[in-house]
Amino acid sequence: MKRLVETIVRRLCDEPASAKITEGFEGRTVVYDIDVPENDRGRLIGREGRTIRALRAFVSAAAVAQGKRVLIRVRD
């Protein structure tokens, strides 16, 4: 699942090498914290949050198929 998030996030960034995705757990939920440079943050979030919302929906659907819960956070 982490590779899926990394692949999508890195494709959206101008500087893919500087994007960092960390995986953690909060109870039964897998948490992905995304840290990208400030100039790529707007592209990742998208207009009115559409891009990040779509990413969350896509990853959540993949996680449900595996019986998992996922939370994606973008770090400031």
C-alpha atoms as a PDB file:
ATOM      1  CA  MET A   1       0.000   0.000   0.000  1.00  0.00           C
ATOM      2  CA  LYS A   2       2.864   2.388   0.784  1.00  0.00           C
ATOM      3  CA  ARG A   3       4.294   1.879  -2.718  1.00  0.00           C
ATOM      4  CA  LEU A   4       0.939   2.881  -4.196  1.00  0.00           C
ATOM      5  CA  VAL A   5       0.869   6.133  -2.192  1.00  0.00           C
ATOM      6  CA  GLU A   6       4.535   6.861  -2.997  1.00  0.00           C
ATOM      7  CA  THR A   7       4.046   6.299  -6.708  1.00  0.00           C
ATOM      8  CA  ILE A   8       1.041   8.599  -6.958  1.00  0.00           C
ATOM      9  CA  VAL A   9       2.540  11.350  -4.795  1.00  0.00           C
ATOM     10  CA  ARG A  10       5.882  11.322  -6.621  1.00  0.00           C
ATOM     11  CA  ARG A  11       4.127  11.575 -10.001  1.00  0.00           C
ATOM     12  CA  LEU A  12       2.325  14.697  -8.832  1.00  0.00           C
ATOM     13  CA  CYS A  13       5.495  16.454  -7.602  1.00  0.00           C
ATOM     14  CA  ASP A  14       7.987  18.541  -9.560  1.00  0.00           C
ATOM     15  CA  GLU A  15      10.691  17.308  -7.187  1.00  0.00           C
ATOM     16  CA  PRO A  16       9.808  13.620  -6.681  1.00  0.00           C
ATOM     17  CA  ALA A  17      13.024  12.805  -4.820  1.00  0.00           C
ATOM     18  CA  SER A  18      12.172  15.258  -2.044  1.00  0.00           C
ATOM     19  CA  ALA A  19       8.737  13.758  -1.327  1.00  0.00           C
ATOM     20  CA  LYS A  20       8.723  11.737   1.898  1.00  0.00           C
ATOM     21  CA  ILE A  21       5.992   9.305   2.863  1.00  0.00           C
ATOM     22  CA  THR A  22       6.086   7.761   6.316  1.00  0.00           C
ATOM     23  CA  GLU A  23       3.898   4.912   7.448  1.00  0.00           C
ATOM     24  CA  GLY A  24       2.604   4.651  10.998  1.00  0.00           C
ATOM     25  CA  PHE A  25      -0.243   3.114  12.924  1.00  0.00           C
ATOM     26  CA  GLU A  26      -2.951   4.594  15.122  1.00  0.00           C
ATOM     27  CA  GLY A  27      -4.873   1.693  16.560  1.00  0.00           C
ATOM     28  CA  ARG A  28      -6.098  -0.410  13.644  1.00  0.00           C
ATOM     29  CA  THR A  29      -5.633   2.408  11.125  1.00  0.00           C
ATOM     30  CA  VAL A  30      -2.587   2.721   8.873  1.00  0.00           C
ATOM     31  CA  VAL A  31      -1.501   6.373   8.689  1.00  0.00           C
ATOM     32  CA  TYR A  32       0.528   7.815   5.811  1.00  0.00           C
ATOM     33  CA  ASP A  33       2.105  11.192   6.485  1.00  0.00           C
ATOM     34  CA  ILE A  34       3.113  12.961   3.278  1.00  0.00           C
ATOM     35  CA  ASP A  35       5.801  15.618   3.415  1.00  0.00           C
ATOM     36  CA  VAL A  36       6.494  17.477   0.170  1.00  0.00           C
ATOM     37  CA  PRO A  37       8.195  20.821  -0.546  1.00  0.00           C
ATOM     38  CA  GLU A  38       5.970  23.862  -0.243  1.00  0.00           C
ATOM     39  CA  ASN A  39       5.884  24.485  -4.002  1.00  0.00           C
ATOM     40  CA  ASP A  40       4.503  20.952  -4.581  1.00  0.00           C
ATOM     41  CA  ARG A  41       1.996  21.053  -1.730  1.00  0.00           C
ATOM     42  CA  GLY A  42      -0.554  23.031  -3.731  1.00  0.00           C
ATOM     43  CA  ARG A  43      -0.374  20.595  -6.601  1.00  0.00           C
ATOM     44  CA  LEU A  44      -0.811  17.641  -4.241  1.00  0.00           C
ATOM     45  CA  ILE A  45      -3.819  19.193  -2.532  1.00  0.00           C
ATOM     46  CA  GLY A  46      -5.359  20.489  -5.750  1.00  0.00           C
ATOM     47  CA  ARG A  47      -8.027  23.074  -6.343  1.00  0.00           C
ATOM     48  CA  GLU A  48     -10.467  23.003  -3.432  1.00  0.00           C
ATOM     49  CA  GLY A  49      -8.775  19.789  -2.217  1.00  0.00           C
ATOM     50  CA  ARG A  50      -9.950  17.680  -5.130  1.00  0.00           C
ATOM     51  CA  THR A  51      -6.645  15.925  -5.806  1.00  0.00           C
ATOM     52  CA  ILE A  52      -5.960  14.881  -2.213  1.00  0.00           C
ATOM     53  CA  ARG A  53      -9.594  13.849  -1.814  1.00  0.00           C
ATOM     54  CA  ALA A  54      -9.316  11.641  -4.898  1.00  0.00           C
ATOM     55  CA  LEU A  55      -6.058  10.142  -3.603  1.00  0.00           C
ATOM     56  CA  ARG A  56      -7.679   9.363  -0.251  1.00  0.00           C
ATOM     57  CA  ALA A  57     -10.689   7.761  -1.932  1.00  0.00           C
ATOM     58  CA  PHE A  58      -8.505   5.663  -4.234  1.00  0.00           C
ATOM     59  CA  VAL A  59      -6.214   4.423  -1.457  1.00  0.00           C
ATOM     60  CA  SER A  60      -9.147   3.802   0.889  1.00  0.00           C
ATOM     61  CA  ALA A  61     -10.849   1.657  -1.742  1.00  0.00           C
ATOM     62  CA  ALA A  62      -7.668  -0.376  -2.187  1.00  0.00           C
ATOM     63  CA  ALA A  63      -7.323  -0.719   1.592  1.00  0.00           C
ATOM     64  CA  VAL A  64     -10.902  -1.907   2.062  1.00  0.00           C
ATOM     65  CA  ALA A  65     -10.216  -4.683  -0.432  1.00  0.00           C
ATOM     66  CA  GLN A  66      -7.431  -5.816   1.925  1.00  0.00           C
ATOM     67  CA  GLY A  67      -9.542  -5.323   5.060  1.00  0.00           C
ATOM     68  CA  LYS A  68      -7.576  -2.299   6.294  1.00  0.00           C
ATOM     69  CA  ARG A  69      -8.335   1.311   7.232  1.00  0.00           C
ATOM     70  CA  VAL A  70      -6.136   4.110   5.897  1.00  0.00           C
ATOM     71  CA  LEU A  71      -5.624   7.753   6.805  1.00  0.00           C
ATOM     72  CA  ILE A  72      -3.573  10.120   4.624  1.00  0.00           C
ATOM     73  CA  ARG A  73      -2.235  13.371   6.068  1.00  0.00           C
ATOM     74  CA  VAL A  74      -0.289  16.125   4.320  1.00  0.00           C
ATOM     75  CA  ARG A  75       2.330  17.687   6.598  1.00  0.00           C
ATOM     76  CA  ASP A  76       2.853  21.447   6.739  1.00  0.00           C
END
